[in-house]
Amino acid sequence: MTEDHLKKAIAVANEIGAKGIEGVAYLDLGRLHQVKGRSEQVQDCFSKAVRILEECESEVYLKQANRALDSLK
């Protein structure tokens, strides 16, 4: 997926209230930024993923997002 696709997925998921999909898309966008060396955006995306995935109690993806965020420290 490209960055544009992920941003569109985030926007649509937010619009329709699909929190789980939005959280996973932020996690994937953070991983994409990480590969491209965009540190600031990585932190932001992983943080948003954790917050959103906590809200919808998505335990599997929440663990992944927390691990990803912790790896930045």
Protein backbone atom coordinates (compact mmCIF):
# COMPACT_ATOMS: atom_id res chain seq x y z
CA MET A 1 0.00 0.00 0.00
CA THR A 2 1.11 3.51 -0.67
CA GLU A 3 1.03 6.41 1.72
CA ASP A 4 -1.93 7.93 -0.15
CA HIS A 5 -3.93 4.70 0.14
CA LEU A 6 -3.28 4.51 3.88
CA LYS A 7 -4.29 8.14 4.40
CA LYS A 8 -7.49 7.53 2.42
CA ALA A 9 -8.20 4.40 4.50
CA ILE A 10 -7.73 6.43 7.69
CA ALA A 11 -10.07 9.17 6.46
CA VAL A 12 -12.80 6.76 5.36
CA ALA A 13 -12.52 4.62 8.49
CA ASN A 14 -12.80 7.74 10.65
CA GLU A 15 -15.78 8.95 8.66
CA ILE A 16 -17.71 5.71 9.09
CA GLY A 17 -16.57 5.04 12.66
CA ALA A 18 -14.49 1.95 11.87
CA LYS A 19 -12.03 2.49 14.73
CA GLY A 20 -10.27 -0.85 14.35
CA ILE A 21 -9.50 -0.26 10.70
CA GLU A 22 -8.41 3.30 11.41
CA GLY A 23 -6.04 2.14 14.16
CA VAL A 24 -4.48 -0.57 12.00
CA ALA A 25 -4.08 1.89 9.11
CA TYR A 26 -2.23 4.30 11.43
CA LEU A 27 -0.01 1.42 12.55
CA ASP A 28 0.76 0.53 8.92
CA LEU A 29 1.36 4.18 8.03
CA GLY A 30 3.77 4.44 10.95
CA ARG A 31 5.64 1.38 9.70
CA LEU A 32 5.84 2.93 6.24
CA HIS A 33 7.23 6.16 7.68
CA GLN A 34 9.70 4.11 9.72
CA VAL A 35 11.03 2.38 6.61
CA LYS A 36 11.38 5.77 4.92
CA GLY A 37 13.21 7.24 7.94
CA ARG A 38 10.57 9.80 8.92
CA SER A 39 11.02 9.72 12.71
CA GLU A 40 8.57 12.45 13.64
CA GLN A 41 5.72 10.95 11.63
CA VAL A 42 6.48 7.46 12.96
CA GLN A 43 5.98 8.58 16.57
CA ASP A 44 2.75 10.40 15.70
CA CYS A 45 1.23 7.47 13.78
CA PHE A 46 2.16 4.85 16.38
CA SER A 47 0.76 7.05 19.17
CA LYS A 48 -2.51 7.55 17.30
CA ALA A 49 -2.70 3.81 16.60
CA VAL A 50 -2.28 3.00 20.31
CA ARG A 51 -4.92 5.54 21.36
CA ILE A 52 -7.48 4.37 18.80
CA LEU A 53 -6.86 0.66 19.33
CA GLU A 54 -7.23 1.12 23.10
CA GLU A 55 -10.64 2.70 22.48
CA CYS A 56 -11.91 -0.26 20.49
CA GLU A 57 -10.14 -2.84 22.69
CA SER A 58 -8.35 -4.50 19.79
CA GLU A 59 -5.88 -6.48 21.87
CA VAL A 60 -3.79 -8.13 19.14
CA TYR A 61 -3.19 -4.95 17.15
CA LEU A 62 -2.85 -2.91 20.34
CA LYS A 63 0.05 -5.15 21.41
CA GLN A 64 1.69 -4.62 18.03
CA ALA A 65 1.21 -0.85 18.23
CA ASN A 66 2.59 -0.69 21.77
CA ARG A 67 5.61 -2.76 20.74
CA ALA A 68 6.18 -0.50 17.75
CA LEU A 69 5.93 2.62 19.92
CA ASP A 70 8.22 1.13 22.60
CA SER A 71 10.81 0.29 19.94
CA LEU A 72 11.28 4.01 19.35
CA LYS A 73 12.57 4.59 22.88
